[in-house]
Amino acid sequence: MKFERLLVLFFALVLSIGSAYAVAPGKTLEWAGGGAGKVTLDGKVHADKGLKCPDCHTNPKLFAMKKGTEKMSMKDMNAGKGCGTCHNGKKAFATKDAATCGKCHKK
């Protein structure tokens, strides 16, 4: 009986570690965003579009699961890397489109 409790506790701990790094629906992640203003990634907005964590973190592996490990730049995104993989004007609004800057950058 004691062993089962320890096993359940262990698995609960293991599962909670992954969620400490991910931006799940209802959670946000922020970057400084440079002179254009702070950028907030909203997990709910992406989940509402039908996306799940593996869509960006596993297949393809666009981003690591640990906060603070990604170096983002508009140059890379406009070249189709990172967020720019989907935000290319076909699948989602384009990072190159000046009219959509305010969707991510908040002053």
N, C-alpha and C. Protein backbone atom coordinates (compact mmCIF):
# COMPACT_ATOMS: atom_id res chain seq x y z
N MET A 1 0.82 -1.19 0.00
CA MET A 1 0.00 0.00 0.00
C MET A 1 0.87 1.25 0.00
N LYS A 2 1.90 1.25 0.84
CA LYS A 2 2.79 2.39 0.92
C LYS A 2 3.54 2.57 -0.41
N PHE A 3 3.92 1.46 -1.04
CA PHE A 3 4.61 1.50 -2.31
C PHE A 3 3.75 2.14 -3.39
N GLU A 4 2.45 1.80 -3.43
CA GLU A 4 1.55 2.37 -4.43
C GLU A 4 1.42 3.88 -4.26
N ARG A 5 1.34 4.32 -3.02
CA ARG A 5 1.26 5.76 -2.76
C ARG A 5 2.51 6.48 -3.24
N LEU A 6 3.66 5.89 -2.96
CA LEU A 6 4.91 6.49 -3.42
C LEU A 6 4.99 6.51 -4.94
N LEU A 7 4.52 5.46 -5.58
CA LEU A 7 4.52 5.39 -7.03
C LEU A 7 3.61 6.46 -7.64
N VAL A 8 2.44 6.64 -7.09
CA VAL A 8 1.51 7.66 -7.56
C VAL A 8 2.12 9.05 -7.36
N LEU A 9 2.72 9.29 -6.22
CA LEU A 9 3.36 10.57 -5.94
C LEU A 9 4.50 10.83 -6.93
N PHE A 10 5.29 9.81 -7.21
CA PHE A 10 6.40 9.94 -8.15
C PHE A 10 5.88 10.34 -9.53
N PHE A 11 4.86 9.64 -10.03
CA PHE A 11 4.32 9.96 -11.36
C PHE A 11 3.68 11.34 -11.40
N ALA A 12 3.03 11.75 -10.34
CA ALA A 12 2.45 13.09 -10.28
C ALA A 12 3.55 14.15 -10.36
N LEU A 13 4.67 13.91 -9.68
CA LEU A 13 5.80 14.82 -9.71
C LEU A 13 6.40 14.89 -11.11
N VAL A 14 6.59 13.75 -11.74
CA VAL A 14 7.15 13.70 -13.09
C VAL A 14 6.27 14.47 -14.06
N LEU A 15 4.97 14.27 -13.99
CA LEU A 15 4.05 14.95 -14.89
C LEU A 15 4.01 16.46 -14.65
N SER A 16 4.16 16.88 -13.42
CA SER A 16 4.10 18.31 -13.12
C SER A 16 5.36 19.04 -13.56
N ILE A 17 6.48 18.36 -13.66
CA ILE A 17 7.72 19.00 -14.09
C ILE A 17 7.58 19.51 -15.51
N GLY A 18 7.00 18.73 -16.41
CA GLY A 18 6.82 19.15 -17.79
C GLY A 18 5.94 20.37 -17.90
N SER A 19 4.91 20.46 -17.08
CA SER A 19 4.01 21.60 -17.16
C SER A 19 4.64 22.87 -16.62
N ALA A 20 5.71 22.75 -15.87
CA ALA A 20 6.38 23.94 -15.36
C ALA A 20 7.10 24.69 -16.47
N TYR A 21 7.39 24.01 -17.56
CA TYR A 21 8.12 24.62 -18.67
C TYR A 21 7.22 25.01 -19.83
N ALA A 22 6.08 24.39 -19.99
CA ALA A 22 5.23 24.62 -21.15
C ALA A 22 4.28 25.79 -20.93
N VAL A 23 3.83 26.38 -22.03
CA VAL A 23 2.82 27.42 -21.98
C VAL A 23 1.51 26.78 -22.41
N ALA A 24 0.79 26.30 -21.44
CA ALA A 24 -0.46 25.59 -21.69
C ALA A 24 -1.58 26.58 -21.95
N PRO A 25 -2.72 26.10 -22.48
CA PRO A 25 -3.87 26.99 -22.66
C PRO A 25 -4.21 27.68 -21.35
N GLY A 26 -4.44 28.98 -21.44
CA GLY A 26 -4.74 29.76 -20.25
C GLY A 26 -3.51 30.36 -19.60
N LYS A 27 -2.33 30.01 -20.09
CA LYS A 27 -1.07 30.54 -19.57
C LYS A 27 -0.43 31.44 -20.63
N THR A 28 0.47 32.29 -20.20
CA THR A 28 1.18 33.16 -21.14
C THR A 28 2.68 33.12 -20.87
N LEU A 29 3.43 33.53 -21.88
CA LEU A 29 4.87 33.64 -21.79
C LEU A 29 5.25 34.97 -22.40
N GLU A 30 6.14 35.72 -21.76
CA GLU A 30 6.47 37.06 -22.24
C GLU A 30 7.94 37.20 -22.59
N TRP A 31 8.21 38.03 -23.62
CA TRP A 31 9.55 38.42 -24.02
C TRP A 31 9.62 39.93 -24.00
N ALA A 32 10.83 40.48 -23.90
CA ALA A 32 11.00 41.93 -23.88
C ALA A 32 10.49 42.56 -25.18
N GLY A 33 10.73 41.96 -26.32
CA GLY A 33 10.18 42.46 -27.59
C GLY A 33 10.90 43.64 -28.18
N GLY A 34 12.00 44.06 -27.60
CA GLY A 34 12.76 45.17 -28.15
C GLY A 34 11.98 46.48 -28.16
N GLY A 35 12.32 47.37 -29.08
CA GLY A 35 11.69 48.67 -29.18
C GLY A 35 10.24 48.62 -29.62
N ALA A 36 9.81 47.49 -30.17
CA ALA A 36 8.43 47.37 -30.65
C ALA A 36 7.46 47.07 -29.52
N GLY A 37 7.95 46.76 -28.34
CA GLY A 37 7.09 46.49 -27.20
C GLY A 37 7.11 45.03 -26.79
N LYS A 38 6.63 44.77 -25.59
CA LYS A 38 6.60 43.43 -25.01
C LYS A 38 5.78 42.48 -25.87
N VAL A 39 6.24 41.24 -25.99
CA VAL A 39 5.53 40.21 -26.73
C VAL A 39 5.00 39.18 -25.74
N THR A 40 3.72 38.85 -25.88
CA THR A 40 3.10 37.86 -25.02
C THR A 40 2.57 36.71 -25.88
N LEU A 41 3.04 35.51 -25.61
CA LEU A 41 2.52 34.32 -26.27
C LEU A 41 1.41 33.77 -25.39
N ASP A 42 0.22 33.69 -25.93
CA ASP A 42 -0.94 33.23 -25.18
C ASP A 42 -1.27 31.80 -25.61
N GLY A 43 -1.12 30.86 -24.70
CA GLY A 43 -1.40 29.46 -25.01
C GLY A 43 -2.84 29.24 -25.41
N LYS A 44 -3.78 29.98 -24.83
CA LYS A 44 -5.20 29.81 -25.14
C LYS A 44 -5.50 30.20 -26.58
N VAL A 45 -4.91 31.30 -27.05
CA VAL A 45 -5.15 31.74 -28.43
C VAL A 45 -4.74 30.64 -29.40
N HIS A 46 -3.60 30.04 -29.16
CA HIS A 46 -3.12 28.98 -30.05
C HIS A 46 -3.96 27.71 -29.90
N ALA A 47 -4.35 27.36 -28.68
CA ALA A 47 -5.19 26.18 -28.46
C ALA A 47 -6.56 26.36 -29.10
N ASP A 48 -7.10 27.58 -29.05
CA ASP A 48 -8.40 27.85 -29.68
C ASP A 48 -8.35 27.67 -31.19
N LYS A 49 -7.18 27.77 -31.77
CA LYS A 49 -7.00 27.54 -33.21
C LYS A 49 -6.78 26.06 -33.52
N GLY A 50 -6.84 25.22 -32.48
CA GLY A 50 -6.70 23.78 -32.67
C GLY A 50 -5.29 23.25 -32.50
N LEU A 51 -4.36 24.10 -32.07
CA LEU A 51 -2.98 23.65 -31.90
C LEU A 51 -2.78 22.99 -30.55
N LYS A 52 -1.90 22.03 -30.53
CA LYS A 52 -1.52 21.35 -29.30
C LYS A 52 -0.01 21.52 -29.13
N CYS A 53 0.49 21.34 -27.92
CA CYS A 53 1.91 21.55 -27.62
C CYS A 53 2.86 20.87 -28.62
N PRO A 54 2.62 19.60 -28.98
CA PRO A 54 3.55 18.94 -29.90
C PRO A 54 3.63 19.59 -31.29
N ASP A 55 2.62 20.37 -31.67
CA ASP A 55 2.65 21.02 -32.98
C ASP A 55 3.83 21.97 -33.13
N CYS A 56 4.32 22.52 -32.04
CA CYS A 56 5.47 23.43 -32.09
C CYS A 56 6.70 22.87 -31.38
N HIS A 57 6.47 21.94 -30.45
CA HIS A 57 7.58 21.47 -29.62
C HIS A 57 8.08 20.08 -29.97
N THR A 58 7.38 19.35 -30.82
CA THR A 58 7.81 17.99 -31.14
C THR A 58 7.94 17.77 -32.64
N ASN A 59 6.87 18.02 -33.36
CA ASN A 59 6.86 17.71 -34.80
C ASN A 59 6.24 18.86 -35.57
N PRO A 60 6.98 19.79 -36.12
CA PRO A 60 8.45 19.88 -36.06
C PRO A 60 8.89 20.50 -34.73
N LYS A 61 10.12 20.26 -34.36
CA LYS A 61 10.63 20.80 -33.10
C LYS A 61 11.12 22.23 -33.36
N LEU A 62 10.18 23.17 -33.27
CA LEU A 62 10.51 24.58 -33.49
C LEU A 62 11.07 25.24 -32.25
N PHE A 63 10.58 24.81 -31.09
CA PHE A 63 10.96 25.44 -29.83
C PHE A 63 11.26 24.38 -28.78
N ALA A 64 12.21 24.70 -27.89
CA ALA A 64 12.49 23.84 -26.74
C ALA A 64 11.35 24.00 -25.73
N MET A 65 11.20 23.06 -24.83
CA MET A 65 10.12 23.12 -23.84
C MET A 65 10.49 23.95 -22.62
N LYS A 66 11.74 24.33 -22.48
CA LYS A 66 12.18 25.07 -21.29
C LYS A 66 12.18 26.57 -21.56
N LYS A 67 11.56 27.32 -20.65
CA LYS A 67 11.51 28.77 -20.77
C LYS A 67 12.92 29.35 -20.77
N GLY A 68 13.10 30.40 -21.56
CA GLY A 68 14.36 31.12 -21.56
C GLY A 68 15.44 30.53 -22.45
N THR A 69 15.14 29.45 -23.17
CA THR A 69 16.16 28.83 -24.01
C THR A 69 16.10 29.31 -25.46
N GLU A 70 15.04 30.02 -25.83
CA GLU A 70 14.88 30.45 -27.21
C GLU A 70 15.36 31.88 -27.41
N LYS A 71 16.17 32.08 -28.42
CA LYS A 71 16.59 33.42 -28.84
C LYS A 71 15.76 33.75 -30.08
N MET A 72 14.89 34.74 -29.96
CA MET A 72 14.00 35.08 -31.06
C MET A 72 14.40 36.41 -31.67
N SER A 73 14.28 36.49 -32.97
CA SER A 73 14.51 37.76 -33.66
C SER A 73 13.53 37.86 -34.82
N MET A 74 13.15 39.08 -35.15
CA MET A 74 12.24 39.29 -36.27
C MET A 74 12.91 38.82 -37.56
N LYS A 75 14.21 38.99 -37.66
CA LYS A 75 14.93 38.55 -38.86
C LYS A 75 14.72 37.05 -39.08
N ASP A 76 14.89 36.26 -38.02
CA ASP A 76 14.69 34.82 -38.13
C ASP A 76 13.24 34.47 -38.44
N MET A 77 12.31 35.12 -37.74
CA MET A 77 10.89 34.83 -37.98
C MET A 77 10.49 35.19 -39.41
N ASN A 78 10.97 36.34 -39.91
CA ASN A 78 10.65 36.74 -41.28
C ASN A 78 11.27 35.80 -42.30
N ALA A 79 12.31 35.06 -41.89
CA ALA A 79 12.94 34.06 -42.76
C ALA A 79 12.27 32.69 -42.63
N GLY A 80 11.17 32.63 -41.88
CA GLY A 80 10.41 31.38 -41.76
C GLY A 80 10.86 30.48 -40.63
N LYS A 81 11.63 31.00 -39.70
CA LYS A 81 12.07 30.21 -38.56
C LYS A 81 11.21 30.53 -37.34
N GLY A 82 11.17 29.62 -36.37
CA GLY A 82 10.42 29.85 -35.14
C GLY A 82 8.96 30.16 -35.43
N CYS A 83 8.46 31.25 -34.89
CA CYS A 83 7.06 31.65 -35.09
C CYS A 83 6.75 31.83 -36.57
N GLY A 84 7.75 32.27 -37.33
CA GLY A 84 7.57 32.50 -38.76
C GLY A 84 7.27 31.26 -39.57
N THR A 85 7.45 30.08 -38.96
CA THR A 85 7.10 28.83 -39.66
C THR A 85 5.61 28.81 -39.98
N CYS A 86 4.80 29.25 -39.04
CA CYS A 86 3.34 29.31 -39.25
C CYS A 86 2.88 30.72 -39.59
N HIS A 87 3.53 31.71 -38.98
CA HIS A 87 3.13 33.10 -39.21
C HIS A 87 3.83 33.61 -40.47
N ASN A 88 3.38 33.04 -41.61
CA ASN A 88 3.99 33.31 -42.91
C ASN A 88 3.01 33.96 -43.89
N GLY A 89 1.81 34.29 -43.43
CA GLY A 89 0.80 34.89 -44.30
C GLY A 89 -0.10 33.88 -44.98
N LYS A 90 0.23 32.60 -44.84
CA LYS A 90 -0.59 31.54 -45.43
C LYS A 90 -1.34 30.78 -44.35
N LYS A 91 -0.60 30.27 -43.38
CA LYS A 91 -1.21 29.52 -42.29
C LYS A 91 -1.76 30.46 -41.21
N ALA A 92 -1.03 31.53 -40.94
CA ALA A 92 -1.43 32.54 -39.95
C ALA A 92 -0.90 33.88 -40.43
N PHE A 93 -1.30 34.97 -39.79
CA PHE A 93 -0.84 36.28 -40.23
C PHE A 93 0.68 36.32 -40.29
N ALA A 94 1.20 37.11 -41.22
CA ALA A 94 2.64 37.14 -41.47
C ALA A 94 3.38 38.05 -40.49
N THR A 95 4.54 37.59 -40.05
CA THR A 95 5.38 38.42 -39.19
C THR A 95 5.93 39.61 -39.98
N LYS A 96 6.00 39.51 -41.30
CA LYS A 96 6.53 40.59 -42.14
C LYS A 96 5.53 41.72 -42.33
N ASP A 97 4.26 41.48 -42.06
CA ASP A 97 3.20 42.47 -42.30
C ASP A 97 3.18 43.51 -41.17
N ALA A 98 3.55 44.73 -41.48
CA ALA A 98 3.61 45.79 -40.47
C ALA A 98 2.25 46.05 -39.83
N ALA A 99 1.17 45.76 -40.53
CA ALA A 99 -0.17 46.00 -39.99
C ALA A 99 -0.53 45.04 -38.86
N THR A 100 0.22 43.94 -38.72
CA THR A 100 -0.10 42.96 -37.69
C THR A 100 0.85 42.98 -36.50
N CYS A 101 1.78 43.92 -36.46
CA CYS A 101 2.75 43.98 -35.35
C CYS A 101 2.06 43.99 -34.00
N GLY A 102 0.97 44.74 -33.89
CA GLY A 102 0.26 44.91 -32.64
C GLY A 102 -0.41 43.64 -32.12
N LYS A 103 -0.49 42.60 -32.95
CA LYS A 103 -1.06 41.35 -32.50
C LYS A 103 -0.13 40.65 -31.51
N CYS A 104 1.15 40.91 -31.61
CA CYS A 104 2.13 40.29 -30.70
C CYS A 104 2.80 41.32 -29.80
N HIS A 105 3.17 42.46 -30.37
CA HIS A 105 3.91 43.49 -29.63
C HIS A 105 2.94 44.47 -28.98
N LYS A 106 3.10 44.65 -27.67
CA LYS A 106 2.27 45.59 -26.90
C LYS A 106 3.15 46.63 -26.25
N LYS A 107 2.88 47.89 -26.52
CA LYS A 107 3.70 48.98 -25.93
C LYS A 107 3.18 49.33 -24.57
